[in-house]
Amino acid sequence: MVFMNTAVHPLPRSRARKSASPLRTDRKGQILLAAERLFAKYGFHAVSIRQIAQEAQVPLALVGYHFGQKQALFHAIFEHWSATIEERLEGLRTLQEQAHSKQKLQRIVEAFISPVIKLRSSPEGQSYAILITKGLSPQSDEADAVLRDFFDPMAEAFISALHETLAAEFPLAQVSRGTAAWCYQFSLGVLLHHLIDDRVARLSHGECTPSDPAVQSHLVQFIVHGIRGAVQSFHPPLD
């Protein structure tokens, strides 16, 4: 297998503000918050503009005045929270400046999951966390547009970082970008499931709290060891 180029590439810069902030309390902010709650609970297609206006307690015409069609309102929610993406990318940029070490993979995983775990600390962030786990099926056009605009550039950056780091950590394995992409996909699945699955309370007989931020370090270690195990599975040592 040909060893792939692992040169460091500049990371994309999002259009986000420097830090995430709670949704505004003006009427435009009320509409965003109401739409976020309803989309998270019922899905994009099950919610009407009229229902959003009723939830926000604003005139129906005001929703169209501020956001236009429902698709634009859906997109605006992710634009508002795009600072979370920027926070994850900023953590990755900081790591790019550091020499390779055995801890670098763990730091990449921490940069990937920590800002998302923090979302659950507020009601607004909790609704958004549910929305990104349940409302972004790539089978729908509106979700696919959001994925391409907001999440694909970040995914590309993290996959590149994983590829470079894993290639340095496993030089004899000749790690491919495809392997790094699978590792990203598996890690994303673990994170999203942690955010929304409430069964752990029942299955643990009450010992575990759903989406408990206190288990973040365990989640990081689970993902890190899973990535290393996957690399060894994809690229077993040559006899």
Protein backbone atom coordinates (compact mmCIF):
# COMPACT_ATOMS: atom_id res chain seq x y z
CA MET A 1 0.00 0.00 0.00
CA VAL A 2 1.27 3.45 -0.87
CA PHE A 3 1.94 5.66 2.14
CA MET A 4 -0.35 8.67 1.90
CA ASN A 5 0.72 12.27 2.28
CA THR A 6 0.02 13.40 5.85
CA ALA A 7 1.10 17.02 5.51
CA VAL A 8 -0.77 19.43 7.74
CA HIS A 9 -3.46 21.40 5.93
CA PRO A 10 -5.12 24.58 7.20
CA LEU A 11 -8.43 23.99 8.90
CA PRO A 12 -11.62 25.60 7.63
CA ARG A 13 -12.86 28.63 9.48
CA SER A 14 -16.57 28.71 10.11
CA ARG A 15 -18.77 31.76 9.90
CA ALA A 16 -19.49 31.46 13.61
CA ARG A 17 -19.17 33.95 16.39
CA LYS A 18 -16.38 33.39 18.90
CA SER A 19 -18.56 31.66 21.47
CA ALA A 20 -22.03 30.22 21.72
CA SER A 21 -24.61 32.30 23.52
CA PRO A 22 -28.17 31.65 24.69
CA LEU A 23 -30.89 32.47 22.21
CA ARG A 24 -31.95 36.10 22.39
CA THR A 25 -35.08 37.07 24.29
CA ASP A 26 -36.40 39.34 21.49
CA ARG A 27 -39.11 38.08 19.21
CA LYS A 28 -36.71 36.84 16.54
CA GLY A 29 -34.94 34.87 19.25
CA GLN A 30 -38.28 33.57 20.54
CA ILE A 31 -39.06 32.23 17.06
CA LEU A 32 -35.68 30.48 16.81
CA LEU A 33 -36.09 28.91 20.22
CA ALA A 34 -39.64 27.77 19.52
CA ALA A 35 -38.65 26.27 16.17
CA GLU A 36 -35.69 24.52 17.75
CA ARG A 37 -37.90 22.93 20.44
CA LEU A 38 -40.57 21.81 17.98
CA PHE A 39 -38.17 20.49 15.34
CA ALA A 40 -36.27 18.59 18.02
CA LYS A 41 -39.45 17.03 19.39
CA TYR A 42 -41.46 16.33 16.23
CA GLY A 43 -39.11 16.63 13.27
CA PHE A 44 -38.95 19.15 10.44
CA HIS A 45 -41.85 17.92 8.32
CA ALA A 46 -44.29 17.46 11.20
CA VAL A 47 -44.07 21.12 12.28
CA SER A 48 -45.80 24.02 10.55
CA ILE A 49 -44.93 27.71 10.52
CA ARG A 50 -48.24 28.36 12.29
CA GLN A 51 -47.30 25.99 15.11
CA ILE A 52 -43.95 27.73 15.47
CA ALA A 53 -45.66 31.12 15.69
CA GLN A 54 -48.04 29.79 18.35
CA GLU A 55 -45.17 28.28 20.33
CA ALA A 56 -43.23 31.56 20.13
CA GLN A 57 -46.37 33.58 20.90
CA VAL A 58 -45.79 35.90 17.94
CA PRO A 59 -47.96 36.80 14.93
CA LEU A 60 -47.75 34.29 12.08
CA ALA A 61 -46.53 36.93 9.63
CA LEU A 62 -43.57 37.74 11.85
CA VAL A 63 -42.03 34.30 11.28
CA GLY A 64 -42.01 34.87 7.54
CA TYR A 65 -40.77 38.44 7.97
CA HIS A 66 -37.69 37.34 9.91
CA PHE A 67 -36.91 34.00 8.26
CA GLY A 68 -38.91 33.46 5.10
CA GLN A 69 -39.68 29.82 4.37
CA LYS A 70 -39.46 27.01 6.93
CA GLN A 71 -36.27 25.68 5.36
CA ALA A 72 -34.56 29.03 5.97
CA LEU A 73 -35.69 29.00 9.59
CA PHE A 74 -34.32 25.48 10.03
CA HIS A 75 -31.01 26.63 8.55
CA ALA A 76 -30.97 29.70 10.83
CA ILE A 77 -31.01 27.51 13.94
CA PHE A 78 -27.73 25.89 12.90
CA GLU A 79 -26.29 29.25 11.91
CA HIS A 80 -27.02 30.49 15.42
CA TRP A 81 -25.29 27.54 17.06
CA SER A 82 -22.39 27.39 14.59
CA ALA A 83 -20.14 28.85 17.30
CA THR A 84 -20.05 25.34 18.75
CA ILE A 85 -18.52 24.11 15.51
CA GLU A 86 -16.00 26.95 15.59
CA GLU A 87 -15.06 26.01 19.16
CA ARG A 88 -14.35 22.46 18.05
CA LEU A 89 -12.29 23.64 15.09
CA GLU A 90 -10.37 26.11 17.23
CA GLY A 91 -9.36 23.28 19.52
CA LEU A 92 -8.17 21.36 16.49
CA ARG A 93 -6.14 24.32 15.21
CA THR A 94 -4.38 24.54 18.54
CA LEU A 95 -3.51 20.84 18.31
CA GLN A 96 -2.14 21.27 14.80
CA GLU A 97 0.56 23.50 16.19
CA GLN A 98 1.78 20.78 18.53
CA ALA A 99 4.26 18.03 17.71
CA HIS A 100 2.95 14.49 17.57
CA SER A 101 2.70 12.66 20.87
CA LYS A 102 0.92 9.64 22.25
CA GLN A 103 -1.66 12.00 23.80
CA LYS A 104 -2.56 13.75 20.57
CA LEU A 105 -5.31 11.32 19.59
CA GLN A 106 -7.00 11.80 22.96
CA ARG A 107 -6.82 15.58 22.59
CA ILE A 108 -8.41 15.39 19.15
CA VAL A 109 -11.27 13.35 20.59
CA GLU A 110 -11.66 15.84 23.46
CA ALA A 111 -11.81 18.75 21.01
CA PHE A 112 -14.48 16.87 19.08
CA ILE A 113 -16.83 15.98 21.94
CA SER A 114 -16.34 18.51 24.76
CA PRO A 115 -18.22 21.48 23.22
CA VAL A 116 -21.13 19.20 22.35
CA ILE A 117 -21.35 17.72 25.85
CA LYS A 118 -21.50 21.26 27.24
CA LEU A 119 -24.63 21.95 25.16
CA ARG A 120 -26.72 19.85 27.51
CA SER A 121 -26.09 22.30 30.38
CA SER A 122 -28.87 24.67 29.21
CA PRO A 123 -32.45 24.04 28.02
CA GLU A 124 -31.68 25.77 24.69
CA GLY A 125 -28.55 23.73 24.19
CA GLN A 126 -30.36 20.56 25.17
CA SER A 127 -32.97 21.10 22.45
CA TYR A 128 -30.23 21.78 19.92
CA ALA A 129 -28.32 18.65 20.97
CA ILE A 130 -31.48 16.60 20.43
CA LEU A 131 -32.04 18.30 17.08
CA ILE A 132 -28.58 17.41 15.75
CA THR A 133 -29.05 13.80 16.80
CA LYS A 134 -32.60 13.24 15.59
CA GLY A 135 -33.23 15.93 13.00
CA LEU A 136 -30.29 15.58 10.63
CA SER A 137 -31.06 12.47 8.63
CA PRO A 138 -29.18 12.86 5.31
CA GLN A 139 -32.16 11.34 3.52
CA SER A 140 -34.01 14.70 3.69
CA ASP A 141 -33.06 17.64 1.51
CA GLU A 142 -33.24 20.22 4.31
CA ALA A 143 -31.01 18.15 6.59
CA ASP A 144 -28.56 17.38 3.79
CA ALA A 145 -28.15 21.11 3.11
CA VAL A 146 -27.37 21.75 6.79
CA LEU A 147 -24.91 18.86 6.91
CA ARG A 148 -23.09 20.15 3.84
CA ASP A 149 -23.03 23.79 4.96
CA PHE A 150 -22.14 23.39 8.64
CA PHE A 151 -20.95 19.89 9.51
CA ASP A 152 -19.13 18.50 6.46
CA PRO A 153 -16.27 21.05 6.60
CA MET A 154 -15.75 20.25 10.28
CA ALA A 155 -15.89 16.51 9.59
CA GLU A 156 -13.29 16.88 6.83
CA ALA A 157 -11.00 18.72 9.24
CA PHE A 158 -11.30 16.10 11.99
CA ILE A 159 -10.84 13.23 9.53
CA SER A 160 -7.66 14.90 8.25
CA ALA A 161 -6.43 15.33 11.82
CA LEU A 162 -7.18 11.70 12.64
CA HIS A 163 -5.47 10.55 9.46
CA GLU A 164 -2.31 12.52 10.17
CA THR A 165 -2.18 11.48 13.82
CA LEU A 166 -2.92 7.81 13.23
CA ALA A 167 -0.38 7.66 10.40
CA ALA A 168 2.23 8.99 12.82
CA GLU A 169 1.17 6.65 15.62
CA PHE A 170 1.01 3.55 13.38
CA PRO A 171 3.74 4.20 10.76
CA LEU A 172 3.95 0.55 9.67
CA ALA A 173 0.20 0.26 9.12
CA GLN A 174 0.12 2.86 6.34
CA VAL A 175 -3.22 4.16 7.61
CA SER A 176 -5.54 5.30 4.83
CA ARG A 177 -7.91 8.25 4.87
CA GLY A 178 -10.73 5.75 4.51
CA THR A 179 -9.78 4.21 7.85
CA ALA A 180 -9.73 7.66 9.44
CA ALA A 181 -13.17 8.38 7.95
CA TRP A 182 -14.58 5.18 9.46
CA CYS A 183 -13.05 6.06 12.82
CA TYR A 184 -14.71 9.49 12.65
CA GLN A 185 -18.05 7.92 11.73
CA PHE A 186 -17.88 5.42 14.60
CA SER A 187 -16.90 8.16 17.07
CA LEU A 188 -19.76 10.36 15.92
CA GLY A 189 -22.22 7.53 16.43
CA VAL A 190 -21.03 6.97 19.99
CA LEU A 191 -21.27 10.68 20.81
CA LEU A 192 -24.76 11.13 19.34
CA HIS A 193 -26.08 8.05 21.08
CA HIS A 194 -24.71 9.28 24.40
CA LEU A 195 -26.54 12.58 23.94
CA ILE A 196 -30.01 11.16 23.42
CA ASP A 197 -30.29 7.67 24.89
CA ASP A 198 -32.22 7.73 28.17
CA ARG A 199 -32.37 3.94 28.58
CA VAL A 200 -29.10 3.85 30.49
CA ALA A 201 -30.95 4.92 33.64
CA ARG A 202 -33.30 1.95 33.35
CA LEU A 203 -30.63 -0.52 32.25
CA SER A 204 -28.29 0.49 35.08
CA HIS A 205 -31.16 0.24 37.61
CA GLY A 206 -30.81 3.94 38.36
CA GLU A 207 -27.03 4.02 38.81
CA CYS A 208 -26.42 6.04 35.61
CA THR A 209 -27.77 9.44 34.60
CA PRO A 210 -28.57 9.93 30.91
CA SER A 211 -26.04 12.16 29.06
CA ASP A 212 -24.17 12.64 32.35
CA PRO A 213 -21.32 15.15 31.69
CA ALA A 214 -19.35 13.54 34.52
CA VAL A 215 -18.66 10.51 32.34
CA GLN A 216 -17.02 12.56 29.60
CA SER A 217 -13.54 11.27 30.44
CA HIS A 218 -14.82 7.68 30.17
CA LEU A 219 -16.46 8.50 26.86
CA VAL A 220 -13.19 9.95 25.57
CA GLN A 221 -11.24 6.86 26.59
CA PHE A 222 -13.86 4.57 25.03
CA ILE A 223 -13.56 6.41 21.71
CA VAL A 224 -9.75 6.63 21.81
CA HIS A 225 -9.29 2.92 22.49
CA GLY A 226 -11.99 2.11 19.92
CA ILE A 227 -10.14 4.10 17.25
CA ARG A 228 -6.85 2.37 18.00
CA GLY A 229 -8.55 -1.02 17.91
CA ALA A 230 -10.22 -0.18 14.60
CA VAL A 231 -6.90 0.86 13.03
CA GLN A 232 -5.35 -2.45 14.07
CA SER A 233 -8.35 -4.28 12.64
CA PHE A 234 -8.27 -2.40 9.32
CA HIS A 235 -4.49 -2.67 9.03
CA PRO A 236 -3.32 -5.90 10.73
CA PRO A 237 0.45 -6.39 11.06
CA LEU A 238 2.11 -8.09 8.11
CA ASP A 239 3.52 -11.56 8.78
